[in-house]
Protein backbone atom coordinates (compact mmCIF):
# COMPACT_ATOMS: atom_id res chain seq x y z
CA UNK A 1 -43.12 -119.73 -101.85
CA UNK A 2 -44.49 -123.11 -100.62
CA UNK A 3 -47.81 -124.27 -102.11
CA UNK A 4 -50.06 -127.07 -100.80
CA UNK A 5 -50.80 -130.07 -103.09
CA UNK A 6 -54.42 -129.65 -104.12
CA UNK A 7 -55.19 -133.20 -103.09
CA UNK A 8 -53.71 -132.53 -99.57
CA UNK A 9 -55.68 -129.28 -99.33
CA UNK A 10 -58.91 -131.03 -100.13
CA UNK A 11 -58.29 -133.67 -97.49
CA UNK A 12 -57.36 -130.90 -94.93
CA UNK A 13 -60.93 -129.24 -95.21
CA UNK A 14 -63.41 -130.16 -92.62
CA UNK A 15 -65.87 -132.86 -93.55
CA UNK A 16 -68.46 -135.39 -92.67
CA UNK A 17 -68.44 -139.18 -92.20
CA UNK A 18 -71.81 -140.95 -92.37
CA UNK A 19 -72.62 -144.32 -91.03
CA UNK A 20 -75.95 -145.91 -91.89
CA UNK A 21 -76.98 -148.14 -88.87
CA UNK A 22 -79.02 -151.27 -88.78
CA UNK A 23 -79.35 -151.69 -92.53
CA UNK A 24 -81.25 -154.63 -93.81
CA UNK A 25 -78.82 -156.33 -96.17
CA UNK A 26 -79.11 -160.12 -95.70
CA UNK A 27 -78.56 -162.72 -98.39
CA UNK A 28 -80.10 -166.24 -98.34
CA UNK A 29 -80.62 -169.10 -100.78
CA UNK A 30 -84.08 -168.88 -101.99
CA UNK A 31 -84.81 -171.77 -104.30
CA UNK A 32 -81.73 -172.52 -106.44
CA UNK A 33 -79.90 -169.07 -105.94
CA UNK A 34 -78.82 -166.58 -103.46
CA UNK A 35 -80.93 -163.64 -103.33
CA UNK A 36 -81.19 -160.31 -101.18
CA UNK A 37 -84.06 -160.68 -98.78
CA UNK A 38 -86.63 -158.11 -99.17
CA UNK A 39 -90.38 -157.77 -98.24
CA UNK A 40 -91.61 -157.55 -101.84
CA UNK A 41 -90.17 -160.62 -103.18
CA UNK A 42 -89.80 -163.02 -100.14
CA UNK A 43 -92.76 -162.45 -97.74
CA UNK A 44 -93.58 -166.14 -97.68
CA UNK A 45 -89.97 -167.42 -97.36
CA UNK A 46 -89.54 -164.89 -94.45
CA UNK A 47 -92.68 -165.94 -92.56
CA UNK A 48 -91.65 -169.51 -92.99
CA UNK A 49 -88.53 -168.87 -91.21
CA UNK A 50 -90.24 -166.97 -88.42
CA UNK A 51 -89.20 -163.45 -89.59
CA UNK A 52 -91.26 -160.20 -90.11
CA UNK A 53 -91.20 -159.22 -93.72
CA UNK A 54 -91.82 -155.59 -92.83
CA UNK A 55 -88.26 -155.51 -91.36
CA UNK A 56 -86.65 -156.53 -94.59
CA UNK A 57 -86.36 -153.11 -96.39
CA UNK A 58 -83.03 -152.95 -98.27
CA UNK A 59 -84.48 -150.00 -100.34
CA UNK A 60 -84.17 -147.87 -97.27
CA UNK A 61 -80.37 -148.04 -97.13
CA UNK A 62 -80.12 -147.88 -100.93
CA UNK A 63 -82.07 -144.59 -100.90
CA UNK A 64 -79.99 -143.23 -98.00
CA UNK A 65 -76.69 -144.12 -99.81
CA UNK A 66 -77.97 -142.24 -102.95
CA UNK A 67 -78.91 -139.17 -100.87
CA UNK A 68 -75.29 -139.11 -99.56
CA UNK A 69 -73.41 -140.02 -102.72
CA UNK A 70 -75.53 -137.85 -105.07
CA UNK A 71 -75.21 -134.72 -102.84
CA UNK A 72 -73.23 -131.63 -103.80
CA UNK A 73 -71.49 -132.14 -100.50
CA UNK A 74 -69.90 -135.37 -101.79
CA UNK A 75 -69.13 -133.86 -105.24
CA UNK A 76 -67.29 -131.02 -103.54
CA UNK A 77 -65.10 -133.54 -101.71
CA UNK A 78 -66.58 -133.00 -98.22
CA UNK A 79 -67.72 -136.47 -97.72
CA UNK A 80 -64.80 -138.09 -96.02
CA UNK A 81 -66.11 -141.65 -95.77
CA UNK A 82 -69.50 -143.59 -95.93
CA UNK A 83 -70.12 -146.70 -93.92
CA UNK A 84 -73.08 -149.21 -93.83
CA UNK A 85 -73.50 -151.37 -90.76
CA UNK A 86 -76.18 -154.16 -91.22
CA UNK A 87 -78.45 -155.69 -88.76
CA UNK A 88 -76.41 -158.93 -88.90
CA UNK A 89 -73.30 -157.08 -87.89
CA UNK A 90 -71.56 -156.76 -91.29
CA UNK A 91 -69.58 -153.45 -91.74
CA UNK A 92 -69.18 -152.16 -95.34
CA UNK A 93 -67.02 -149.31 -96.43
CA UNK A 94 -68.44 -147.30 -99.52
CA UNK A 95 -66.08 -145.33 -101.84
CA UNK A 96 -67.49 -141.89 -102.06
CA UNK A 97 -66.89 -142.11 -105.88
CA UNK A 98 -68.95 -145.36 -106.46
CA UNK A 99 -71.98 -144.97 -108.67
CA UNK A 100 -74.68 -147.29 -107.32
CA UNK A 101 -77.09 -149.20 -109.59
CA UNK A 102 -80.29 -147.26 -110.40
CA UNK A 103 -82.48 -150.06 -111.73
CA UNK A 104 -84.49 -152.37 -109.38
CA UNK A 105 -82.86 -155.58 -110.61
CA UNK A 106 -79.25 -154.34 -110.39
CA UNK A 107 -79.93 -152.78 -107.14
CA UNK A 108 -80.89 -156.13 -105.68
CA UNK A 109 -77.93 -157.92 -107.27
CA UNK A 110 -74.90 -155.86 -106.02
CA UNK A 111 -75.45 -156.59 -102.28
CA UNK A 112 -75.38 -160.24 -103.30
CA UNK A 113 -72.02 -159.93 -105.02
CA UNK A 114 -70.55 -157.81 -102.23
CA UNK A 115 -71.57 -160.17 -99.36
CA UNK A 116 -70.22 -163.22 -101.28
CA UNK A 117 -66.98 -161.78 -102.66
CA UNK A 118 -66.46 -159.28 -99.75
CA UNK A 119 -65.56 -156.44 -102.15
CA UNK A 120 -66.40 -155.02 -105.62
CA UNK A 121 -63.85 -153.37 -107.63
CA UNK A 122 -64.19 -150.64 -110.32
CA UNK A 123 -64.19 -152.11 -113.94
CA UNK A 124 -60.74 -152.31 -115.28
CA UNK A 125 -59.31 -151.21 -112.02
CA UNK A 126 -58.19 -152.54 -108.67
CA UNK A 127 -59.84 -149.70 -106.79
CA UNK A 128 -62.38 -151.04 -104.31
CA UNK A 129 -65.78 -149.44 -104.50
CA UNK A 130 -67.34 -151.26 -101.75
CA UNK A 131 -65.74 -153.71 -99.24
CA UNK A 132 -66.50 -155.57 -96.06
CA UNK A 133 -64.17 -154.45 -93.31
CA UNK A 134 -63.48 -155.25 -89.68
CA UNK A 135 -65.83 -154.01 -86.94
CA UNK A 136 -66.32 -151.69 -85.13
CA UNK A 137 -66.50 -148.65 -87.25
CA UNK A 138 -64.74 -146.58 -84.62
CA UNK A 139 -61.48 -148.36 -85.53
CA UNK A 140 -61.61 -146.66 -88.98
CA UNK A 141 -62.24 -143.24 -87.75
CA UNK A 142 -59.78 -140.50 -86.89
CA UNK A 143 -59.14 -140.01 -83.18
CA UNK A 144 -60.42 -136.58 -83.28
CA UNK A 145 -63.84 -137.38 -84.65
CA UNK A 146 -67.12 -136.26 -83.05
CA UNK A 147 -69.65 -138.92 -83.08
CA UNK A 148 -73.24 -137.62 -83.48
CA UNK A 149 -76.42 -139.65 -83.79
CA UNK A 150 -79.86 -138.46 -85.17
CA UNK A 151 -82.95 -138.70 -82.85
CA UNK A 152 -86.14 -137.11 -83.96
CA UNK A 153 -87.61 -137.03 -80.46
CA UNK A 154 -85.17 -134.12 -79.58
CA UNK A 155 -85.75 -130.41 -80.28
CA UNK A 156 -85.17 -130.17 -84.07
CA UNK A 157 -82.36 -127.99 -85.49
CA UNK A 158 -82.24 -126.27 -88.83
CA UNK A 159 -79.78 -124.42 -91.01
CA UNK A 160 -77.38 -122.43 -88.83
CA UNK A 161 -78.39 -123.97 -85.60
CA UNK A 162 -77.91 -127.43 -87.15
CA UNK A 163 -74.45 -126.58 -88.41
CA UNK A 164 -73.68 -125.30 -84.77
CA UNK A 165 -74.30 -128.86 -83.53
CA UNK A 166 -71.17 -129.99 -85.38
CA UNK A 167 -68.00 -129.03 -83.48
CA UNK A 168 -65.30 -127.87 -86.08
CA UNK A 169 -62.54 -128.15 -83.78
CA UNK A 170 -62.64 -131.72 -84.78
CA UNK A 171 -61.25 -132.84 -88.13
CA UNK A 172 -64.32 -134.92 -88.90
CA UNK A 173 -67.88 -135.08 -87.66
CA UNK A 174 -69.26 -138.62 -87.68
CA UNK A 175 -73.03 -138.80 -88.23
CA UNK A 176 -75.14 -141.92 -87.41
CA UNK A 177 -78.41 -142.17 -89.21
CA UNK A 178 -80.70 -145.25 -88.75
CA UNK A 179 -81.33 -147.23 -92.07
CA UNK A 180 -84.12 -149.64 -90.66
CA UNK A 181 -87.75 -149.62 -90.98
CA UNK A 182 -88.46 -149.54 -87.33
CA UNK A 183 -86.56 -148.84 -84.11
CA UNK A 184 -83.78 -146.52 -83.11
CA UNK A 185 -79.96 -146.39 -83.09
CA UNK A 186 -78.51 -146.69 -79.65
CA UNK A 187 -74.53 -146.84 -79.93
CA UNK A 188 -72.53 -146.61 -76.80
CA UNK A 189 -69.88 -144.74 -78.82
CA UNK A 190 -71.99 -141.78 -79.65
CA UNK A 191 -70.97 -138.40 -78.21
CA UNK A 192 -74.19 -136.57 -78.68
CA UNK A 193 -77.54 -136.73 -80.50
CA UNK A 194 -79.38 -134.19 -82.57
CA UNK A 195 -82.77 -133.95 -84.49
CA UNK A 196 -83.23 -132.40 -87.87
CA UNK A 197 -87.04 -132.44 -87.65
CA UNK A 198 -89.85 -132.79 -85.18
CA UNK A 199 -91.20 -135.55 -87.44
CA UNK A 200 -89.79 -139.04 -87.98
CA UNK A 201 -88.27 -138.68 -91.42
CA UNK A 202 -86.92 -141.34 -93.80
CA UNK A 203 -83.10 -141.81 -93.64
CA UNK A 204 -82.76 -140.12 -97.05
CA UNK A 205 -84.65 -137.15 -96.08
CA UNK A 206 -82.68 -136.80 -92.87
CA UNK A 207 -79.44 -137.11 -94.73
CA UNK A 208 -80.64 -134.37 -97.25
CA UNK A 209 -81.36 -131.96 -94.44
CA UNK A 210 -77.92 -132.52 -92.89
CA UNK A 211 -76.20 -132.18 -96.36
CA UNK A 212 -78.18 -128.97 -97.21
CA UNK A 213 -77.25 -127.31 -93.96
CA UNK A 214 -73.52 -128.11 -94.42
CA UNK A 215 -73.63 -127.09 -98.08
CA UNK A 216 -74.91 -123.70 -96.99
CA UNK A 217 -72.31 -123.37 -94.46
CA UNK A 218 -69.46 -124.24 -96.78
CA UNK A 219 -71.08 -122.32 -99.66
CA UNK A 220 -71.45 -125.25 -101.94
CA UNK A 221 -73.78 -124.62 -104.75
């Protein structure tokens, strides 16, 4: 009798890839050191350089990443990959096993380290937890991925109907969620758009609804 290796079997299961679009992760030298620009700490610096402080919200992408990584969906091995695409065109690959900083100061520090060193490894290991990779994100996706964007102006889907929006003939469904304070995602490589609510939700809340629907489908408790 031939048995399938548990690791191979896990990878063969259908799963989800998330990309968080237009994330505000920009590092600049403020005073004597490099810092992650944000509206709370740098409003005067941003205005001085002709920028709108309201657009600098790295907390949005951090909360969205936590929503993905902390989900039962990820813990069950159904998160195939997580990518972050910044407003400045930097593409970051996030290891599904990474544990992000929870405190405010450490949360602001890790993007500075990442964007300067281009990768962050696990302590005592060579495993990359976060790394900057080449664009576009489509070069890193399986050829049979379905690319879906979220747009709240469409007819919202919930539960079973939301699951039906994903085509499971494809190995992986690729979901784009905006991680910016204002605006929308408009990527030419998107196959289709869906809405998870009739209201404009935060990225974290939107991801939570998608994860919950898929957890019900796959009976993940």
